[in-house]
């Protein structure tokens, strides 16, 4: 399980973690599309976070 609410930043995929028990229709009705990701920003240095996200997005 993802450490949501932790002091560290985390990226999660709700459809396969926190909402995995829901059907595709239930996910849609809850506003959780299958491709959605959740960014939960923690206490790391801002420049480090931006660099990490930039690097990750460049690989997509």
PDB file of N, CA and C in Angstrom:
ATOM      1  N   UNK A   1       0.840  -1.189   0.000  1.00  0.00           N
ATOM      2  CA  UNK A   1       0.000   0.000   0.000  1.00  0.00           C
ATOM      3  C   UNK A   1       0.872   1.235   0.000  1.00  0.00           C
ATOM      4  N   UNK A   2       0.460   2.208  -0.748  1.00  0.00           N
ATOM      5  CA  UNK A   2       1.180   3.478  -0.822  1.00  0.00           C
ATOM      6  C   UNK A   2       1.094   4.205   0.514  1.00  0.00           C
ATOM      7  N   UNK A   3       2.113   4.967   0.825  1.00  0.00           N
ATOM      8  CA  UNK A   3       2.169   5.715   2.086  1.00  0.00           C
ATOM      9  C   UNK A   3       1.559   7.100   1.924  1.00  0.00           C
ATOM     10  N   UNK A   4       0.302   7.156   1.601  1.00  0.00           N
ATOM     11  CA  UNK A   4      -0.378   8.439   1.429  1.00  0.00           C
ATOM     12  C   UNK A   4      -0.446   9.127   2.787  1.00  0.00           C
ATOM     13  N   UNK A   5      -0.101  10.389   2.815  1.00  0.00           N
ATOM     14  CA  UNK A   5      -0.091  11.142   4.060  1.00  0.00           C
ATOM     15  C   UNK A   5       1.277  11.173   4.713  1.00  0.00           C
ATOM     16  N   UNK A   6       2.259  10.568   4.067  1.00  0.00           N
ATOM     17  CA  UNK A   6       3.627  10.554   4.580  1.00  0.00           C
ATOM     18  C   UNK A   6       4.278  11.908   4.301  1.00  0.00           C
ATOM     19  N   UNK A   7       5.453  12.135   4.856  1.00  0.00           N
ATOM     20  CA  UNK A   7       6.168  13.397   4.621  1.00  0.00           C
ATOM     21  C   UNK A   7       6.978  13.340   3.333  1.00  0.00           C
ATOM     22  N   UNK A   8       7.016  12.185   2.683  1.00  0.00           N
ATOM     23  CA  UNK A   8       7.738  12.027   1.424  1.00  0.00           C
ATOM     24  C   UNK A   8       6.776  12.156   0.251  1.00  0.00           C
ATOM     25  N   UNK A   9       7.282  12.663  -0.862  1.00  0.00           N
ATOM     26  CA  UNK A   9       6.467  12.763  -2.069  1.00  0.00           C
ATOM     27  C   UNK A   9       6.238  11.374  -2.642  1.00  0.00           C
ATOM     28  N   UNK A  10       5.070  11.208  -3.247  1.00  0.00           N
ATOM     29  CA  UNK A  10       4.736   9.913  -3.829  1.00  0.00           C
ATOM     30  C   UNK A  10       3.789  10.133  -5.007  1.00  0.00           C
ATOM     31  N   UNK A  11       3.931   9.289  -5.990  1.00  0.00           N
ATOM     32  CA  UNK A  11       3.005   9.268  -7.119  1.00  0.00           C
ATOM     33  C   UNK A  11       2.302   7.925  -7.070  1.00  0.00           C
ATOM     34  N   UNK A  12       0.977   7.947  -7.092  1.00  0.00           N
ATOM     35  CA  UNK A  12       0.222   6.704  -7.044  1.00  0.00           C
ATOM     36  C   UNK A  12      -0.748   6.620  -8.220  1.00  0.00           C
ATOM     37  N   UNK A  13      -1.166   5.420  -8.493  1.00  0.00           N
ATOM     38  CA  UNK A  13      -2.171   5.137  -9.509  1.00  0.00           C
ATOM     39  C   UNK A  13      -3.398   4.613  -8.759  1.00  0.00           C
ATOM     40  N   UNK A  14      -4.348   5.510  -8.440  1.00  0.00           N
ATOM     41  CA  UNK A  14      -5.488   5.128  -7.605  1.00  0.00           C
ATOM     42  C   UNK A  14      -6.266   3.911  -8.100  1.00  0.00           C
ATOM     43  N   UNK A  15      -6.409   3.763  -9.413  1.00  0.00           N
ATOM     44  CA  UNK A  15      -7.201   2.646  -9.945  1.00  0.00           C
ATOM     45  C   UNK A  15      -6.606   1.296  -9.570  1.00  0.00           C
ATOM     46  N   UNK A  16      -5.301   1.245  -9.331  1.00  0.00           N
ATOM     47  CA  UNK A  16      -4.678  -0.034  -8.989  1.00  0.00           C
ATOM     48  C   UNK A  16      -4.158  -0.076  -7.550  1.00  0.00           C
ATOM     49  N   UNK A  17      -4.409   0.998  -6.777  1.00  0.00           N
ATOM     50  CA  UNK A  17      -3.970   1.004  -5.378  1.00  0.00           C
ATOM     51  C   UNK A  17      -5.162   1.281  -4.463  1.00  0.00           C
ATOM     52  N   UNK A  18      -5.405   2.532  -4.175  1.00  0.00           N
ATOM     53  CA  UNK A  18      -6.424   2.906  -3.191  1.00  0.00           C
ATOM     54  C   UNK A  18      -7.852   2.568  -3.605  1.00  0.00           C
ATOM     55  N   UNK A  19      -8.113   2.445  -4.914  1.00  0.00           N
ATOM     56  CA  UNK A  19      -9.462   2.173  -5.404  1.00  0.00           C
ATOM     57  C   UNK A  19      -9.527   0.851  -6.175  1.00  0.00           C
ATOM     58  N   UNK A  20      -8.586  -0.033  -5.930  1.00  0.00           N
ATOM     59  CA  UNK A  20      -8.499  -1.263  -6.725  1.00  0.00           C
ATOM     60  C   UNK A  20      -9.727  -2.174  -6.608  1.00  0.00           C
ATOM     61  N   UNK A  21     -10.487  -2.032  -5.553  1.00  0.00           N
ATOM     62  CA  UNK A  21     -11.652  -2.895  -5.354  1.00  0.00           C
ATOM     63  C   UNK A  21     -12.850  -2.481  -6.197  1.00  0.00           C
ATOM     64  N   UNK A  22     -12.783  -1.303  -6.833  1.00  0.00           N
ATOM     65  CA  UNK A  22     -13.918  -0.805  -7.611  1.00  0.00           C
ATOM     66  C   UNK A  22     -13.880  -1.300  -9.051  1.00  0.00           C
ATOM     67  N   UNK A  23     -15.053  -1.454  -9.632  1.00  0.00           N
ATOM     68  CA  UNK A  23     -15.150  -1.823 -11.049  1.00  0.00           C
ATOM     69  C   UNK A  23     -14.814  -0.593 -11.898  1.00  0.00           C
ATOM     70  N   UNK A  24     -14.648  -0.818 -13.192  1.00  0.00           N
ATOM     71  CA  UNK A  24     -14.358   0.294 -14.101  1.00  0.00           C
ATOM     72  C   UNK A  24     -15.470   1.334 -14.073  1.00  0.00           C
ATOM     73  N   UNK A  25     -16.720   0.884 -14.028  1.00  0.00           N
ATOM     74  CA  UNK A  25     -17.864   1.796 -13.964  1.00  0.00           C
ATOM     75  C   UNK A  25     -17.868   2.589 -12.651  1.00  0.00           C
ATOM     76  N   UNK A  26     -17.589   1.909 -11.547  1.00  0.00           N
ATOM     77  CA  UNK A  26     -17.550   2.585 -10.244  1.00  0.00           C
ATOM     78  C   UNK A  26     -16.423   3.616 -10.203  1.00  0.00           C
ATOM     79  N   UNK A  27     -15.271   3.267 -10.785  1.00  0.00           N
ATOM     80  CA  UNK A  27     -14.157   4.226 -10.849  1.00  0.00           C
ATOM     81  C   UNK A  27     -14.599   5.485 -11.596  1.00  0.00           C
ATOM     82  N   UNK A  28     -15.237   5.289 -12.734  1.00  0.00           N
ATOM     83  CA  UNK A  28     -15.702   6.422 -13.539  1.00  0.00           C
ATOM     84  C   UNK A  28     -16.670   7.293 -12.751  1.00  0.00           C
ATOM     85  N   UNK A  29     -17.642   6.658 -12.079  1.00  0.00           N
ATOM     86  CA  UNK A  29     -18.640   7.406 -11.315  1.00  0.00           C
ATOM     87  C   UNK A  29     -18.026   8.139 -10.126  1.00  0.00           C
ATOM     88  N   UNK A  30     -16.914   7.641  -9.616  1.00  0.00           N
ATOM     89  CA  UNK A  30     -16.218   8.294  -8.489  1.00  0.00           C
ATOM     90  C   UNK A  30     -15.252   9.380  -8.957  1.00  0.00           C
ATOM     91  N   UNK A  31     -15.111   9.543 -10.273  1.00  0.00           N
ATOM     92  CA  UNK A  31     -14.189  10.552 -10.789  1.00  0.00           C
ATOM     93  C   UNK A  31     -12.747  10.098 -10.769  1.00  0.00           C
ATOM     94  N   UNK A  32     -12.533   8.790 -10.871  1.00  0.00           N
ATOM     95  CA  UNK A  32     -11.175   8.232 -10.877  1.00  0.00           C
ATOM     96  C   UNK A  32     -10.967   7.506 -12.206  1.00  0.00           C
ATOM     97  N   UNK A  33     -10.588   8.226 -13.264  1.00  0.00           N
ATOM     98  CA  UNK A  33     -10.356   7.562 -14.544  1.00  0.00           C
ATOM     99  C   UNK A  33      -9.172   6.596 -14.446  1.00  0.00           C
ATOM    100  N   UNK A  34      -9.202   5.562 -15.267  1.00  0.00           N
ATOM    101  CA  UNK A  34      -8.184   4.506 -15.212  1.00  0.00           C
ATOM    102  C   UNK A  34      -6.761   5.034 -15.382  1.00  0.00           C
ATOM    103  N   UNK A  35      -6.569   6.100 -16.149  1.00  0.00           N
ATOM    104  CA  UNK A  35      -5.233   6.620 -16.404  1.00  0.00           C
ATOM    105  C   UNK A  35      -4.778   7.707 -15.445  1.00  0.00           C
ATOM    106  N   UNK A  36      -5.577   8.022 -14.447  1.00  0.00           N
ATOM    107  CA  UNK A  36      -5.231   9.103 -13.519  1.00  0.00           C
ATOM    108  C   UNK A  36      -4.087   8.701 -12.593  1.00  0.00           C
ATOM    109  N   UNK A  37      -3.196   9.654 -12.347  1.00  0.00           N
ATOM    110  CA  UNK A  37      -2.168   9.471 -11.330  1.00  0.00           C
ATOM    111  C   UNK A  37      -2.343  10.560 -10.280  1.00  0.00           C
ATOM    112  N   UNK A  38      -1.904  10.269  -9.067  1.00  0.00           N
ATOM    113  CA  UNK A  38      -2.042  11.224  -7.962  1.00  0.00           C
ATOM    114  C   UNK A  38      -0.660  11.620  -7.491  1.00  0.00           C
ATOM    115  N   UNK A  39      -0.417  12.921  -7.458  1.00  0.00           N
ATOM    116  CA  UNK A  39       0.825  13.464  -6.916  1.00  0.00           C
ATOM    117  C   UNK A  39       0.560  13.957  -5.506  1.00  0.00           C
ATOM    118  N   UNK A  40       1.299  13.442  -4.562  1.00  0.00           N
ATOM    119  CA  UNK A  40       1.211  13.892  -3.180  1.00  0.00           C
ATOM    120  C   UNK A  40       2.597  14.427  -2.819  1.00  0.00           C
ATOM    121  N   UNK A  41       2.708  15.729  -2.709  1.00  0.00           N
ATOM    122  CA  UNK A  41       4.008  16.371  -2.530  1.00  0.00           C
ATOM    123  C   UNK A  41       4.367  16.446  -1.046  1.00  0.00           C
ATOM    124  N   UNK A  42       5.582  16.030  -0.749  1.00  0.00           N
ATOM    125  CA  UNK A  42       6.068  15.983   0.625  1.00  0.00           C
ATOM    126  C   UNK A  42       6.967  17.150   0.976  1.00  0.00           C
ATOM    127  N   UNK A  43       7.962  16.872   1.774  1.00  0.00           N
ATOM    128  CA  UNK A  43       8.819  17.922   2.329  1.00  0.00           C
ATOM    129  C   UNK A  43      10.195  18.044   1.662  1.00  0.00           C
ATOM    130  N   UNK A  44      10.393  17.359   0.546  1.00  0.00           N
ATOM    131  CA  UNK A  44      11.687  17.438  -0.130  1.00  0.00           C
ATOM    132  C   UNK A  44      11.937  18.835  -0.690  1.00  0.00           C
ATOM    133  N   UNK A  45      13.165  19.085  -1.039  1.00  0.00           N
ATOM    134  CA  UNK A  45      13.563  20.359  -1.629  1.00  0.00           C
ATOM    135  C   UNK A  45      12.807  20.579  -2.949  1.00  0.00           C
ATOM    136  N   UNK A  46      12.276  21.766  -3.135  1.00  0.00           N
ATOM    137  CA  UNK A  46      11.477  22.091  -4.314  1.00  0.00           C
ATOM    138  C   UNK A  46      12.231  21.844  -5.609  1.00  0.00           C
ATOM    139  N   UNK A  47      13.476  22.278  -5.675  1.00  0.00           N
ATOM    140  CA  UNK A  47      14.258  22.085  -6.900  1.00  0.00           C
ATOM    141  C   UNK A  47      14.455  20.599  -7.209  1.00  0.00           C
ATOM    142  N   UNK A  48      14.663  19.782  -6.186  1.00  0.00           N
ATOM    143  CA  UNK A  48      14.812  18.341  -6.390  1.00  0.00           C
ATOM    144  C   UNK A  48      13.520  17.733  -6.928  1.00  0.00           C
ATOM    145  N   UNK A  49      12.393  18.154  -6.373  1.00  0.00           N
ATOM    146  CA  UNK A  49      11.098  17.639  -6.839  1.00  0.00           C
ATOM    147  C   UNK A  49      10.853  18.001  -8.298  1.00  0.00           C
ATOM    148  N   UNK A  50      11.120  19.250  -8.643  1.00  0.00           N
ATOM    149  CA  UNK A  50      10.917  19.695 -10.028  1.00  0.00           C
ATOM    150  C   UNK A  50      11.832  18.931 -10.969  1.00  0.00           C
ATOM    151  N   UNK A  51      13.076  18.742 -10.590  1.00  0.00           N
ATOM    152  CA  UNK A  51      14.024  17.996 -11.426  1.00  0.00           C
ATOM    153  C   UNK A  51      13.574  16.548 -11.598  1.00  0.00           C
ATOM    154  N   UNK A  52      13.129  15.918 -10.525  1.00  0.00           N
ATOM    155  CA  UNK A  52      12.674  14.532 -10.605  1.00  0.00           C
ATOM    156  C   UNK A  52      11.445  14.397 -11.504  1.00  0.00           C
ATOM    157  N   UNK A  53      10.483  15.294 -11.345  1.00  0.00           N
ATOM    158  CA  UNK A  53       9.273  15.239 -12.176  1.00  0.00           C
ATOM    159  C   UNK A  53       9.589  15.523 -13.641  1.00  0.00           C
ATOM    160  N   UNK A  54      10.469  16.478 -13.887  1.00  0.00           N
ATOM    161  CA  UNK A  54      10.877  16.790 -15.244  1.00  0.00           C
ATOM    162  C   UNK A  54      11.516  15.583 -15.908  1.00  0.00           C
ATOM    163  N   UNK A  55      12.431  14.940 -15.191  1.00  0.00           N
ATOM    164  CA  UNK A  55      13.114  13.760 -15.710  1.00  0.00           C
ATOM    165  C   UNK A  55      12.104  12.644 -16.009  1.00  0.00           C
ATOM    166  N   UNK A  56      11.168  12.423 -15.117  1.00  0.00           N
ATOM    167  CA  UNK A  56      10.181  11.364 -15.310  1.00  0.00           C
ATOM    168  C   UNK A  56       9.290  11.657 -16.521  1.00  0.00           C
ATOM    169  N   UNK A  57       8.854  12.904 -16.655  1.00  0.00           N
ATOM    170  CA  UNK A  57       7.970  13.256 -17.760  1.00  0.00           C
ATOM    171  C   UNK A  57       8.678  13.207 -19.112  1.00  0.00           C
ATOM    172  N   UNK A  58       9.973  13.449 -19.131  1.00  0.00           N
ATOM    173  CA  UNK A  58      10.728  13.379 -20.377  1.00  0.00           C
ATOM    174  C   UNK A  58      10.826  11.948 -20.896  1.00  0.00           C
ATOM    175  N   UNK A  59      10.635  10.964 -20.004  1.00  0.00           N
ATOM    176  CA  UNK A  59      10.709   9.552 -20.403  1.00  0.00           C
ATOM    177  C   UNK A  59       9.399   9.039 -20.951  1.00  0.00           C
ATOM    178  N   UNK A  60       8.330   9.812 -20.809  1.00  0.00           N
ATOM    179  CA  UNK A  60       7.000   9.352 -21.252  1.00  0.00           C
ATOM    180  C   UNK A  60       6.872   9.482 -22.741  1.00  0.00           C
TER     181      UNK A  60
END
